[in-house]
Amino acid sequence: QLHLTMSEKNELTRSLEVVQNQLQEKESEIKREISDYKGRLLQAEKEHQDALTKANRKNEVEIEACHEKISSLEHFISSQKLEIEHLKSNKEQLNNSLKEAKQALAELLKTKVR
């Protein structure tokens, strides 16, 4: 009976060792996979960050270009307003000169008729 029990114990011990070895192999495999996934995740995060940085730089350049264009257009509008005011002033002066010339002509015509 003792011999049979010892034999069973030895068999169970061997089985336990086999199972423990399998578990250790599986644990090592899982650790390798986790390490691989972590590496891939880090790479993906880096690529994402690089793309984000590149897109931000591009947007900043475009925004700066838009600001410059707005500034240029504001300057152009300002100069056009000044030009309009200048033209209005010239028109008023010309209208006044025309009015004076008509009055002078009317006076000349009056004196000529007499």
PDB file of N, CA and C in Angstrom:
ATOM      1  N   GLN A   1       0.834  -1.206   0.000  1.00  0.00           N
ATOM      2  CA  GLN A   1       0.000   0.000   0.000  1.00  0.00           C
ATOM      3  C   GLN A   1       0.879   1.271   0.000  1.00  0.00           C
ATOM      4  N   LEU A   2       1.893   1.242   0.874  1.00  0.00           N
ATOM      5  CA  LEU A   2       2.813   2.377   0.968  1.00  0.00           C
ATOM      6  C   LEU A   2       3.526   2.602  -0.357  1.00  0.00           C
ATOM      7  N   HIS A   3       3.959   1.487  -0.951  1.00  0.00           N
ATOM      8  CA  HIS A   3       4.653   1.578  -2.235  1.00  0.00           C
ATOM      9  C   HIS A   3       3.737   2.188  -3.301  1.00  0.00           C
ATOM     10  N   LEU A   4       2.491   1.768  -3.333  1.00  0.00           N
ATOM     11  CA  LEU A   4       1.511   2.287  -4.287  1.00  0.00           C
ATOM     12  C   LEU A   4       1.279   3.774  -4.038  1.00  0.00           C
ATOM     13  N   THR A   5       1.155   4.166  -2.809  1.00  0.00           N
ATOM     14  CA  THR A   5       0.935   5.573  -2.441  1.00  0.00           C
ATOM     15  C   THR A   5       2.148   6.408  -2.843  1.00  0.00           C
ATOM     16  N   MET A   6       3.335   5.886  -2.580  1.00  0.00           N
ATOM     17  CA  MET A   6       4.567   6.597  -2.964  1.00  0.00           C
ATOM     18  C   MET A   6       4.646   6.740  -4.481  1.00  0.00           C
ATOM     19  N   SER A   7       4.251   5.711  -5.169  1.00  0.00           N
ATOM     20  CA  SER A   7       4.250   5.742  -6.626  1.00  0.00           C
ATOM     21  C   SER A   7       3.288   6.795  -7.148  1.00  0.00           C
ATOM     22  N   GLU A   8       2.112   6.838  -6.560  1.00  0.00           N
ATOM     23  CA  GLU A   8       1.108   7.838  -6.952  1.00  0.00           C
ATOM     24  C   GLU A   8       1.615   9.255  -6.644  1.00  0.00           C
ATOM     25  N   LYS A   9       2.264   9.360  -5.465  1.00  0.00           N
ATOM     26  CA  LYS A   9       2.818  10.659  -5.072  1.00  0.00           C
ATOM     27  C   LYS A   9       3.861  11.110  -6.085  1.00  0.00           C
ATOM     28  N   ASN A  10       4.737  10.188  -6.487  1.00  0.00           N
ATOM     29  CA  ASN A  10       5.778  10.517  -7.473  1.00  0.00           C
ATOM     30  C   ASN A  10       5.159  10.914  -8.814  1.00  0.00           C
ATOM     31  N   GLU A  11       4.156  10.190  -9.205  1.00  0.00           N
ATOM     32  CA  GLU A  11       3.454  10.487 -10.464  1.00  0.00           C
ATOM     33  C   GLU A  11       2.805  11.868 -10.392  1.00  0.00           C
ATOM     34  N   LEU A  12       2.128  12.137  -9.257  1.00  0.00           N
ATOM     35  CA  LEU A  12       1.491  13.447  -9.078  1.00  0.00           C
ATOM     36  C   LEU A  12       2.529  14.571  -9.043  1.00  0.00           C
ATOM     37  N   THR A  13       3.661  14.317  -8.432  1.00  0.00           N
ATOM     38  CA  THR A  13       4.745  15.303  -8.373  1.00  0.00           C
ATOM     39  C   THR A  13       5.255  15.610  -9.774  1.00  0.00           C
ATOM     40  N   ARG A  14       5.446  14.541 -10.553  1.00  0.00           N
ATOM     41  CA  ARG A  14       5.893  14.736 -11.939  1.00  0.00           C
ATOM     42  C   ARG A  14       4.843  15.512 -12.735  1.00  0.00           C
ATOM     43  N   SER A  15       3.596  15.157 -12.557  1.00  0.00           N
ATOM     44  CA  SER A  15       2.507  15.859 -13.246  1.00  0.00           C
ATOM     45  C   SER A  15       2.472  17.329 -12.829  1.00  0.00           C
ATOM     46  N   LEU A  16       2.656  17.550 -11.525  1.00  0.00           N
ATOM     47  CA  LEU A  16       2.670  18.919 -11.019  1.00  0.00           C
ATOM     48  C   LEU A  16       3.824  19.709 -11.639  1.00  0.00           C
ATOM     49  N   GLU A  17       4.987  19.090 -11.737  1.00  0.00           N
ATOM     50  CA  GLU A  17       6.152  19.747 -12.341  1.00  0.00           C
ATOM     51  C   GLU A  17       5.882  20.097 -13.809  1.00  0.00           C
ATOM     52  N   VAL A  18       5.260  19.145 -14.526  1.00  0.00           N
ATOM     53  CA  VAL A  18       4.929  19.381 -15.934  1.00  0.00           C
ATOM     54  C   VAL A  18       3.970  20.567 -16.056  1.00  0.00           C
ATOM     55  N   VAL A  19       2.939  20.580 -15.211  1.00  0.00           N
ATOM     56  CA  VAL A  19       1.955  21.667 -15.243  1.00  0.00           C
ATOM     57  C   VAL A  19       2.620  22.993 -14.883  1.00  0.00           C
ATOM     58  N   GLN A  20       3.507  22.954 -13.850  1.00  0.00           N
ATOM     59  CA  GLN A  20       4.204  24.177 -13.456  1.00  0.00           C
ATOM     60  C   GLN A  20       5.100  24.691 -14.583  1.00  0.00           C
ATOM     61  N   ASN A  21       5.785  23.780 -15.267  1.00  0.00           N
ATOM     62  CA  ASN A  21       6.624  24.177 -16.405  1.00  0.00           C
ATOM     63  C   ASN A  21       5.784  24.791 -17.523  1.00  0.00           C
ATOM     64  N   GLN A  22       4.641  24.145 -17.786  1.00  0.00           N
ATOM     65  CA  GLN A  22       3.747  24.678 -18.822  1.00  0.00           C
ATOM     66  C   GLN A  22       3.258  26.081 -18.446  1.00  0.00           C
ATOM     67  N   LEU A  23       2.909  26.242 -17.155  1.00  0.00           N
ATOM     68  CA  LEU A  23       2.445  27.547 -16.684  1.00  0.00           C
ATOM     69  C   LEU A  23       3.547  28.606 -16.812  1.00  0.00           C
ATOM     70  N   GLN A  24       4.784  28.203 -16.465  1.00  0.00           N
ATOM     71  CA  GLN A  24       5.897  29.150 -16.590  1.00  0.00           C
ATOM     72  C   GLN A  24       6.138  29.530 -18.044  1.00  0.00           C
ATOM     73  N   GLU A  25       6.057  28.545 -18.945  1.00  0.00           N
ATOM     74  CA  GLU A  25       6.214  28.826 -20.370  1.00  0.00           C
ATOM     75  C   GLU A  25       5.113  29.764 -20.856  1.00  0.00           C
ATOM     76  N   LYS A  26       3.888  29.477 -20.431  1.00  0.00           N
ATOM     77  CA  LYS A  26       2.749  30.314 -20.825  1.00  0.00           C
ATOM     78  C   LYS A  26       2.925  31.728 -20.265  1.00  0.00           C
ATOM     79  N   GLU A  27       3.378  31.827 -19.003  1.00  0.00           N
ATOM     80  CA  GLU A  27       3.606  33.131 -18.390  1.00  0.00           C
ATOM     81  C   GLU A  27       4.681  33.911 -19.158  1.00  0.00           C
ATOM     82  N   SER A  28       5.752  33.229 -19.528  1.00  0.00           N
ATOM     83  CA  SER A  28       6.819  33.871 -20.307  1.00  0.00           C
ATOM     84  C   SER A  28       6.291  34.345 -21.657  1.00  0.00           C
ATOM     85  N   GLU A  29       5.497  33.505 -22.295  1.00  0.00           N
ATOM     86  CA  GLU A  29       4.913  33.861 -23.595  1.00  0.00           C
ATOM     87  C   GLU A  29       4.009  35.093 -23.456  1.00  0.00           C
ATOM     88  N   ILE A  30       3.182  35.089 -22.406  1.00  0.00           N
ATOM     89  CA  ILE A  30       2.276  36.227 -22.188  1.00  0.00           C
ATOM     90  C   ILE A  30       3.081  37.497 -21.906  1.00  0.00           C
ATOM     91  N   LYS A  31       4.153  37.368 -21.110  1.00  0.00           N
ATOM     92  CA  LYS A  31       5.004  38.529 -20.822  1.00  0.00           C
ATOM     93  C   LYS A  31       5.638  39.076 -22.101  1.00  0.00           C
ATOM     94  N   ARG A  32       6.085  38.170 -22.970  1.00  0.00           N
ATOM     95  CA  ARG A  32       6.656  38.594 -24.254  1.00  0.00           C
ATOM     96  C   ARG A  32       5.607  39.328 -25.090  1.00  0.00           C
ATOM     97  N   GLU A  33       4.393  38.788 -25.140  1.00  0.00           N
ATOM     98  CA  GLU A  33       3.316  39.424 -25.901  1.00  0.00           C
ATOM     99  C   GLU A  33       2.983  40.802 -25.323  1.00  0.00           C
ATOM    100  N   ILE A  34       2.922  40.891 -23.982  1.00  0.00           N
ATOM    101  CA  ILE A  34       2.639  42.184 -23.345  1.00  0.00           C
ATOM    102  C   ILE A  34       3.732  43.188 -23.701  1.00  0.00           C
ATOM    103  N   SER A  35       4.977  42.721 -23.628  1.00  0.00           N
ATOM    104  CA  SER A  35       6.100  43.596 -23.970  1.00  0.00           C
ATOM    105  C   SER A  35       6.005  44.055 -25.433  1.00  0.00           C
ATOM    106  N   ASP A  36       5.651  43.131 -26.315  1.00  0.00           N
ATOM    107  CA  ASP A  36       5.486  43.448 -27.741  1.00  0.00           C
ATOM    108  C   ASP A  36       4.364  44.468 -27.935  1.00  0.00           C
ATOM    109  N   TYR A  37       3.230  44.248 -27.278  1.00  0.00           N
ATOM    110  CA  TYR A  37       2.102  45.173 -27.403  1.00  0.00           C
ATOM    111  C   TYR A  37       2.445  46.548 -26.846  1.00  0.00           C
ATOM    112  N   LYS A  38       3.188  46.571 -25.729  1.00  0.00           N
ATOM    113  CA  LYS A  38       3.608  47.855 -25.156  1.00  0.00           C
ATOM    114  C   LYS A  38       4.499  48.611 -26.141  1.00  0.00           C
ATOM    115  N   GLY A  39       5.420  47.864 -26.757  1.00  0.00           N
ATOM    116  CA  GLY A  39       6.299  48.483 -27.755  1.00  0.00           C
ATOM    117  C   GLY A  39       5.508  49.038 -28.925  1.00  0.00           C
ATOM    118  N   ARG A  40       4.536  48.260 -29.414  1.00  0.00           N
ATOM    119  CA  ARG A  40       3.705  48.724 -30.531  1.00  0.00           C
ATOM    120  C   ARG A  40       2.880  49.937 -30.130  1.00  0.00           C
ATOM    121  N   LEU A  41       2.366  49.898 -28.886  1.00  0.00           N
ATOM    122  CA  LEU A  41       1.573  51.024 -28.393  1.00  0.00           C
ATOM    123  C   LEU A  41       2.429  52.283 -28.310  1.00  0.00           C
ATOM    124  N   LEU A  42       3.632  52.155 -27.769  1.00  0.00           N
ATOM    125  CA  LEU A  42       4.537  53.307 -27.689  1.00  0.00           C
ATOM    126  C   LEU A  42       4.858  53.855 -29.074  1.00  0.00           C
ATOM    127  N   GLN A  43       5.092  52.951 -30.025  1.00  0.00           N
ATOM    128  CA  GLN A  43       5.386  53.372 -31.404  1.00  0.00           C
ATOM    129  C   GLN A  43       4.182  54.097 -31.999  1.00  0.00           C
ATOM    130  N   ALA A  44       2.998  53.547 -31.781  1.00  0.00           N
ATOM    131  CA  ALA A  44       1.783  54.176 -32.317  1.00  0.00           C
ATOM    132  C   ALA A  44       1.570  55.546 -31.671  1.00  0.00           C
ATOM    133  N   GLU A  45       1.803  55.627 -30.358  1.00  0.00           N
ATOM    134  CA  GLU A  45       1.654  56.917 -29.673  1.00  0.00           C
ATOM    135  C   GLU A  45       2.657  57.928 -30.211  1.00  0.00           C
ATOM    136  N   LYS A  46       3.892  57.488 -30.460  1.00  0.00           N
ATOM    137  CA  LYS A  46       4.919  58.383 -31.006  1.00  0.00           C
ATOM    138  C   LYS A  46       4.515  58.864 -32.398  1.00  0.00           C
ATOM    139  N   GLU A  47       4.068  57.938 -33.233  1.00  0.00           N
ATOM    140  CA  GLU A  47       3.637  58.320 -34.587  1.00  0.00           C
ATOM    141  C   GLU A  47       2.465  59.293 -34.515  1.00  0.00           C
ATOM    142  N   HIS A  48       1.535  59.030 -33.609  1.00  0.00           N
ATOM    143  CA  HIS A  48       0.377  59.917 -33.439  1.00  0.00           C
ATOM    144  C   HIS A  48       0.841  61.306 -32.991  1.00  0.00           C
ATOM    145  N   GLN A  49       1.745  61.349 -32.018  1.00  0.00           N
ATOM    146  CA  GLN A  49       2.253  62.630 -31.514  1.00  0.00           C
ATOM    147  C   GLN A  49       3.005  63.376 -32.613  1.00  0.00           C
ATOM    148  N   ASP A  50       3.811  62.652 -33.389  1.00  0.00           N
ATOM    149  CA  ASP A  50       4.543  63.281 -34.499  1.00  0.00           C
ATOM    150  C   ASP A  50       3.581  63.874 -35.518  1.00  0.00           C
ATOM    151  N   ALA A  51       2.535  63.113 -35.848  1.00  0.00           N
ATOM    152  CA  ALA A  51       1.543  63.603 -36.813  1.00  0.00           C
ATOM    153  C   ALA A  51       0.817  64.829 -36.255  1.00  0.00           C
ATOM    154  N   LEU A  52       0.505  64.784 -34.970  1.00  0.00           N
ATOM    155  CA  LEU A  52      -0.172  65.908 -34.325  1.00  0.00           C
ATOM    156  C   LEU A  52       0.717  67.144 -34.328  1.00  0.00           C
ATOM    157  N   THR A  53       1.980  66.959 -33.997  1.00  0.00           N
ATOM    158  CA  THR A  53       2.938  68.076 -33.995  1.00  0.00           C
ATOM    159  C   THR A  53       3.062  68.666 -35.401  1.00  0.00           C
ATOM    160  N   LYS A  54       3.163  67.791 -36.393  1.00  0.00           N
ATOM    161  CA  LYS A  54       3.282  68.251 -37.785  1.00  0.00           C
ATOM    162  C   LYS A  54       2.033  69.034 -38.199  1.00  0.00           C
ATOM    163  N   ALA A  55       0.861  68.510 -37.851  1.00  0.00           N
ATOM    164  CA  ALA A  55      -0.397  69.183 -38.191  1.00  0.00           C
ATOM    165  C   ALA A  55      -0.489  70.530 -37.475  1.00  0.00           C
ATOM    166  N   ASN A  56      -0.056  70.578 -36.208  1.00  0.00           N
ATOM    167  CA  ASN A  56      -0.084  71.837 -35.469  1.00  0.00           C
ATOM    168  C   ASN A  56       0.836  72.878 -36.108  1.00  0.00           C
ATOM    169  N   ARG A  57       2.030  72.442 -36.504  1.00  0.00           N
ATOM    170  CA  ARG A  57       2.964  73.368 -37.172  1.00  0.00           C
ATOM    171  C   ARG A  57       2.351  73.900 -38.462  1.00  0.00           C
ATOM    172  N   LYS A  58       1.764  73.001 -39.233  1.00  0.00           N
ATOM    173  CA  LYS A  58       1.140  73.412 -40.502  1.00  0.00           C
ATOM    174  C   LYS A  58       0.019  74.410 -40.233  1.00  0.00           C
ATOM    175  N   ASN A  59      -0.809  74.122 -39.214  1.00  0.00           N
ATOM    176  CA  ASN A  59      -1.902  75.039 -38.875  1.00  0.00           C
ATOM    177  C   ASN A  59      -1.374  76.394 -38.420  1.00  0.00           C
ATOM    178  N   GLU A  60      -0.294  76.379 -37.633  1.00  0.00           N
ATOM    179  CA  GLU A  60       0.287  77.640 -37.166  1.00  0.00           C
ATOM    180  C   GLU A  60       0.783  78.474 -38.350  1.00  0.00           C
ATOM    181  N   VAL A  61       1.410  77.815 -39.317  1.00  0.00           N
ATOM    182  CA  VAL A  61       1.897  78.521 -40.510  1.00  0.00           C
ATOM    183  C   VAL A  61       0.710  79.104 -41.280  1.00  0.00           C
ATOM    184  N   GLU A  62      -0.349  78.307 -41.446  1.00  0.00           N
ATOM    185  CA  GLU A  62      -1.531  78.784 -42.170  1.00  0.00           C
ATOM    186  C   GLU A  62      -2.202  79.941 -41.426  1.00  0.00           C
ATOM    187  N   ILE A  63      -2.277  79.834 -40.095  1.00  0.00           N
ATOM    188  CA  ILE A  63      -2.881  80.904 -39.298  1.00  0.00           C
ATOM    189  C   ILE A  63      -2.054  82.183 -39.447  1.00  0.00           C
ATOM    190  N   GLU A  64      -0.734  82.045 -39.384  1.00  0.00           N
ATOM    191  CA  GLU A  64       0.135  83.221 -39.535  1.00  0.00           C
ATOM    192  C   GLU A  64      -0.062  83.845 -40.916  1.00  0.00           C
ATOM    193  N   ALA A  65      -0.159  83.014 -41.939  1.00  0.00           N
ATOM    194  CA  ALA A  65      -0.386  83.524 -43.297  1.00  0.00           C
ATOM    195  C   ALA A  65      -1.727  84.261 -43.365  1.00  0.00           C
ATOM    196  N   CYS A  66      -2.747  83.707 -42.714  1.00  0.00           N
ATOM    197  CA  CYS A  66      -4.061  84.370 -42.689  1.00  0.00           C
ATOM    198  C   CYS A  66      -3.991  85.702 -41.957  1.00  0.00           C
ATOM    199  N   HIS A  67      -3.270  85.735 -40.833  1.00  0.00           N
ATOM    200  CA  HIS A  67      -3.112  86.990 -40.093  1.00  0.00           C
ATOM    201  C   HIS A  67      -2.427  88.046 -40.958  1.00  0.00           C
ATOM    202  N   GLU A  68      -1.385  87.619 -41.683  1.00  0.00           N
ATOM    203  CA  GLU A  68      -0.682  88.551 -42.560  1.00  0.00           C
ATOM    204  C   GLU A  68      -1.614  89.049 -43.666  1.00  0.00           C
ATOM    205  N   LYS A  69      -2.412  88.147 -44.222  1.00  0.00           N
ATOM    206  CA  LYS A  69      -3.338  88.541 -45.278  1.00  0.00           C
ATOM    207  C   LYS A  69      -4.387  89.511 -44.727  1.00  0.00           C
ATOM    208  N   ILE A  70      -4.915  89.229 -43.531  1.00  0.00           N
ATOM    209  CA  ILE A  70      -5.898  90.118 -42.900  1.00  0.00           C
ATOM    210  C   ILE A  70      -5.283  91.490 -42.682  1.00  0.00           C
ATOM    211  N   SER A  71      -4.060  91.497 -42.164  1.00  0.00           N
ATOM    212  CA  SER A  71      -3.373  92.769 -41.919  1.00  0.00           C
ATOM    213  C   SER A  71      -3.186  93.542 -43.221  1.00  0.00           C
ATOM    214  N   SER A  72      -2.790  92.820 -44.254  1.00  0.00           N
ATOM    215  CA  SER A  72      -2.589  93.444 -45.564  1.00  0.00           C
ATOM    216  C   SER A  72      -3.906  94.012 -46.093  1.00  0.00           C
ATOM    217  N   LEU A  73      -4.992  93.235 -45.958  1.00  0.00           N
ATOM    218  CA  LEU A  73      -6.303  93.701 -46.427  1.00  0.00           C
ATOM    219  C   LEU A  73      -6.792  94.892 -45.619  1.00  0.00           C
ATOM    220  N   GLU A  74      -6.540  94.873 -44.306  1.00  0.00           N
ATOM    221  CA  GLU A  74      -6.934  96.009 -43.473  1.00  0.00           C
ATOM    222  C   GLU A  74      -6.191  97.270 -43.910  1.00  0.00           C
ATOM    223  N   HIS A  75      -4.890  97.114 -44.205  1.00  0.00           N
ATOM    224  CA  HIS A  75      -4.100  98.248 -44.687  1.00  0.00           C
ATOM    225  C   HIS A  75      -4.648  98.745 -46.029  1.00  0.00           C
ATOM    226  N   PHE A  76      -4.957  97.796 -46.907  1.00  0.00           N
ATOM    227  CA  PHE A  76      -5.495  98.157 -48.223  1.00  0.00           C
ATOM    228  C   PHE A  76      -6.827  98.904 -48.066  1.00  0.00           C
ATOM    229  N   ILE A  77      -7.711  98.386 -47.205  1.00  0.00           N
ATOM    230  CA  ILE A  77      -9.014  99.031 -46.975  1.00  0.00           C
ATOM    231  C   ILE A  77      -8.809 100.435 -46.426  1.00  0.00           C
ATOM    232  N   SER A  78      -7.885 100.556 -45.487  1.00  0.00           N
ATOM    233  CA  SER A  78      -7.593 101.863 -44.904  1.00  0.00           C
ATOM    234  C   SER A  78      -7.114 102.828 -45.979  1.00  0.00           C
ATOM    235  N   SER A  79      -6.220 102.393 -46.831  1.00  0.00           N
ATOM    236  CA  SER A  79      -5.713 103.274 -47.900  1.00  0.00           C
ATOM    237  C   SER A  79      -6.818 103.609 -48.909  1.00  0.00           C
ATOM    238  N   GLN A  80      -7.706 102.640 -49.156  1.00  0.00           N
ATOM    239  CA  GLN A  80      -8.824 102.907 -50.072  1.00  0.00           C
ATOM    240  C   GLN A  80      -9.784 103.936 -49.472  1.00  0.00           C
ATOM    241  N   LYS A  81     -10.021 103.855 -48.164  1.00  0.00           N
ATOM    242  CA  LYS A  81     -10.880 104.840 -47.502  1.00  0.00           C
ATOM    243  C   LYS A  81     -10.270 106.235 -47.616  1.00  0.00           C
ATOM    244  N   LEU A  82      -8.958 106.315 -47.404  1.00  0.00           N
ATOM    245  CA  LEU A  82      -8.283 107.607 -47.545  1.00  0.00           C
ATOM    246  C   LEU A  82      -8.406 108.123 -48.983  1.00  0.00           C
ATOM    247  N   GLU A  83      -8.246 107.232 -49.926  1.00  0.00           N
ATOM    248  CA  GLU A  83      -8.366 107.616 -51.340  1.00  0.00           C
ATOM    249  C   GLU A  83      -9.779 108.108 -51.645  1.00  0.00           C
ATOM    250  N   ILE A  84     -10.780 107.421 -51.101  1.00  0.00           N
ATOM    251  CA  ILE A  84     -12.176 107.840 -51.302  1.00  0.00           C
ATOM    252  C   ILE A  84     -12.399 109.230 -50.725  1.00  0.00           C
ATOM    253  N   GLU A  85     -11.878 109.455 -49.512  1.00  0.00           N
ATOM    254  CA  GLU A  85     -12.020 110.779 -48.894  1.00  0.00           C
ATOM    255  C   GLU A  85     -11.330 111.844 -49.739  1.00  0.00           C
ATOM    256  N   HIS A  86     -10.162 111.520 -50.233  1.00  0.00           N
ATOM    257  CA  HIS A  86      -9.426 112.448 -51.097  1.00  0.00           C
ATOM    258  C   HIS A  86     -10.226 112.760 -52.368  1.00  0.00           C
ATOM    259  N   LEU A  87     -10.799 111.709 -52.975  1.00  0.00           N
ATOM    260  CA  LEU A  87     -11.586 111.901 -54.201  1.00  0.00           C
ATOM    261  C   LEU A  87     -12.852 112.719 -53.918  1.00  0.00           C
ATOM    262  N   LYS A  88     -13.485 112.478 -52.769  1.00  0.00           N
ATOM    263  CA  LYS A  88     -14.673 113.271 -52.400  1.00  0.00           C
ATOM    264  C   LYS A  88     -14.306 114.737 -52.250  1.00  0.00           C
ATOM    265  N   SER A  89     -13.169 114.984 -51.609  1.00  0.00           N
ATOM    266  CA  SER A  89     -12.703 116.363 -51.420  1.00  0.00           C
ATOM    267  C   SER A  89     -12.430 117.024 -52.765  1.00  0.00           C
ATOM    268  N   ASN A  90     -11.758 116.278 -53.652  1.00  0.00           N
ATOM    269  CA  ASN A  90     -11.476 116.817 -54.989  1.00  0.00           C
ATOM    270  C   ASN A  90     -12.771 117.096 -55.755  1.00  0.00           C
ATOM    271  N   LYS A  91     -13.736 116.181 -55.616  1.00  0.00           N
ATOM    272  CA  LYS A  91     -15.016 116.360 -56.300  1.00  0.00           C
ATOM    273  C   LYS A  91     -15.695 117.630 -55.801  1.00  0.00           C
ATOM    274  N   GLU A  92     -15.672 117.807 -54.475  1.00  0.00           N
ATOM    275  CA  GLU A  92     -16.299 119.005 -53.899  1.00  0.00           C
ATOM    276  C   GLU A  92     -15.600 120.265 -54.403  1.00  0.00           C
ATOM    277  N   GLN A  93     -14.287 120.229 -54.443  1.00  0.00           N
ATOM    278  CA  GLN A  93     -13.544 121.389 -54.950  1.00  0.00           C
ATOM    279  C   GLN A  93     -13.885 121.658 -56.421  1.00  0.00           C
ATOM    280  N   LEU A  94     -13.944 120.575 -57.199  1.00  0.00           N
ATOM    281  CA  LEU A  94     -14.272 120.743 -58.622  1.00  0.00           C
ATOM    282  C   LEU A  94     -15.701 121.281 -58.798  1.00  0.00           C
ATOM    283  N   ASN A  95     -16.620 120.755 -57.976  1.00  0.00           N
ATOM    284  CA  ASN A  95     -17.993 121.263 -58.054  1.00  0.00           C
ATOM    285  C   ASN A  95     -18.050 122.750 -57.711  1.00  0.00           C
ATOM    286  N   ASN A  96     -17.297 123.139 -56.676  1.00  0.00           N
ATOM    287  CA  ASN A  96     -17.253 124.554 -56.306  1.00  0.00           C
ATOM    288  C   ASN A  96     -16.643 125.399 -57.417  1.00  0.00           C
ATOM    289  N   SER A  97     -15.558 124.904 -58.009  1.00  0.00           N
ATOM    290  CA  SER A  97     -14.914 125.634 -59.116  1.00  0.00           C
ATOM    291  C   SER A  97     -15.862 125.742 -60.299  1.00  0.00           C
ATOM    292  N   LEU A  98     -16.584 124.658 -60.586  1.00  0.00           N
ATOM    293  CA  LEU A  98     -17.544 124.671 -61.695  1.00  0.00           C
ATOM    294  C   LEU A  98     -18.649 125.681 -61.424  1.00  0.00           C
ATOM    295  N   LYS A  99     -19.123 125.705 -60.188  1.00  0.00           N
ATOM    296  CA  LYS A  99     -20.170 126.646 -59.808  1.00  0.00           C
ATOM    297  C   LYS A  99     -19.682 128.090 -59.984  1.00  0.00           C
ATOM    298  N   GLU A 100     -18.454 128.338 -59.515  1.00  0.00           N
ATOM    299  CA  GLU A 100     -17.862 129.674 -59.663  1.00  0.00           C
ATOM    300  C   GLU A 100     -17.688 130.041 -61.132  1.00  0.00           C
ATOM    301  N   ALA A 101     -17.237 129.046 -61.933  1.00  0.00           N
ATOM    302  CA  ALA A 101     -17.033 129.309 -63.366  1.00  0.00           C
ATOM    303  C   ALA A 101     -18.364 129.618 -64.048  1.00  0.00           C
ATOM    304  N   LYS A 102     -19.421 128.900 -63.663  1.00  0.00           N
ATOM    305  CA  LYS A 102     -20.745 129.167 -64.242  1.00  0.00           C
ATOM    306  C   LYS A 102     -21.222 130.562 -63.868  1.00  0.00           C
ATOM    307  N   GLN A 103     -20.993 130.929 -62.607  1.00  0.00           N
ATOM    308  CA  GLN A 103     -21.396 132.277 -62.169  1.00  0.00           C
ATOM    309  C   GLN A 103     -20.613 133.339 -62.930  1.00  0.00           C
ATOM    310  N   ALA A 104     -19.304 133.092 -63.089  1.00  0.00           N
ATOM    311  CA  ALA A 104     -18.471 134.061 -63.815  1.00  0.00           C
ATOM    312  C   ALA A 104     -18.927 134.147 -65.259  1.00  0.00           C
ATOM    313  N   LEU A 105     -19.259 132.995 -65.855  1.00  0.00           N
ATOM    314  CA  LEU A 105     -19.736 132.989 -67.232  1.00  0.00           C
ATOM    315  C   LEU A 105     -21.061 133.730 -67.331  1.00  0.00           C
ATOM    316  N   ALA A 106     -21.908 133.488 -66.373  1.00  0.00           N
ATOM    317  CA  ALA A 106     -23.204 134.185 -66.372  1.00  0.00           C
ATOM    318  C   ALA A 106     -22.988 135.687 -66.258  1.00  0.00           C
ATOM    319  N   GLU A 107     -22.059 136.115 -65.425  1.00  0.00           N
ATOM    320  CA  GLU A 107     -21.757 137.528 -65.285  1.00  0.00           C
ATOM    321  C   GLU A 107     -21.218 138.098 -66.580  1.00  0.00           C
ATOM    322  N   LEU A 108     -20.316 137.339 -67.225  1.00  0.00           N
ATOM    323  CA  LEU A 108     -19.745 137.801 -68.491  1.00  0.00           C
ATOM    324  C   LEU A 108     -20.826 137.928 -69.557  1.00  0.00           C
ATOM    325  N   LEU A 109     -21.719 136.943 -69.558  1.00  0.00           N
ATOM    326  CA  LEU A 109     -22.778 137.001 -70.555  1.00  0.00           C
ATOM    327  C   LEU A 109     -23.704 138.196 -70.316  1.00  0.00           C
ATOM    328  N   LYS A 110     -23.929 138.503 -69.040  1.00  0.00           N
ATOM    329  CA  LYS A 110     -24.760 139.667 -68.693  1.00  0.00           C
ATOM    330  C   LYS A 110     -24.107 140.957 -69.181  1.00  0.00           C
ATOM    331  N   THR A 111     -22.790 141.042 -68.910  1.00  0.00           N
ATOM    332  CA  THR A 111     -22.098 142.282 -69.299  1.00  0.00           C
ATOM    333  C   THR A 111     -21.989 142.364 -70.828  1.00  0.00           C
ATOM    334  N   LYS A 112     -21.884 141.265 -71.494  1.00  0.00           N
ATOM    335  CA  LYS A 112     -21.778 141.275 -72.946  1.00  0.00           C
ATOM    336  C   LYS A 112     -23.098 141.666 -73.555  1.00  0.00           C
ATOM    337  N   VAL A 113     -24.178 141.221 -72.985  1.00  0.00           N
ATOM    338  CA  VAL A 113     -25.500 141.534 -73.517  1.00  0.00           C
ATOM    339  C   VAL A 113     -25.745 143.011 -73.370  1.00  0.00           C
ATOM    340  N   ARG A 114     -25.283 143.686 -72.364  1.00  0.00           N
ATOM    341  CA  ARG A 114     -25.516 145.105 -72.138  1.00  0.00           C
ATOM    342  C   ARG A 114     -24.827 145.914 -73.130  1.00  0.00           C
TER     343      ARG A 114
END
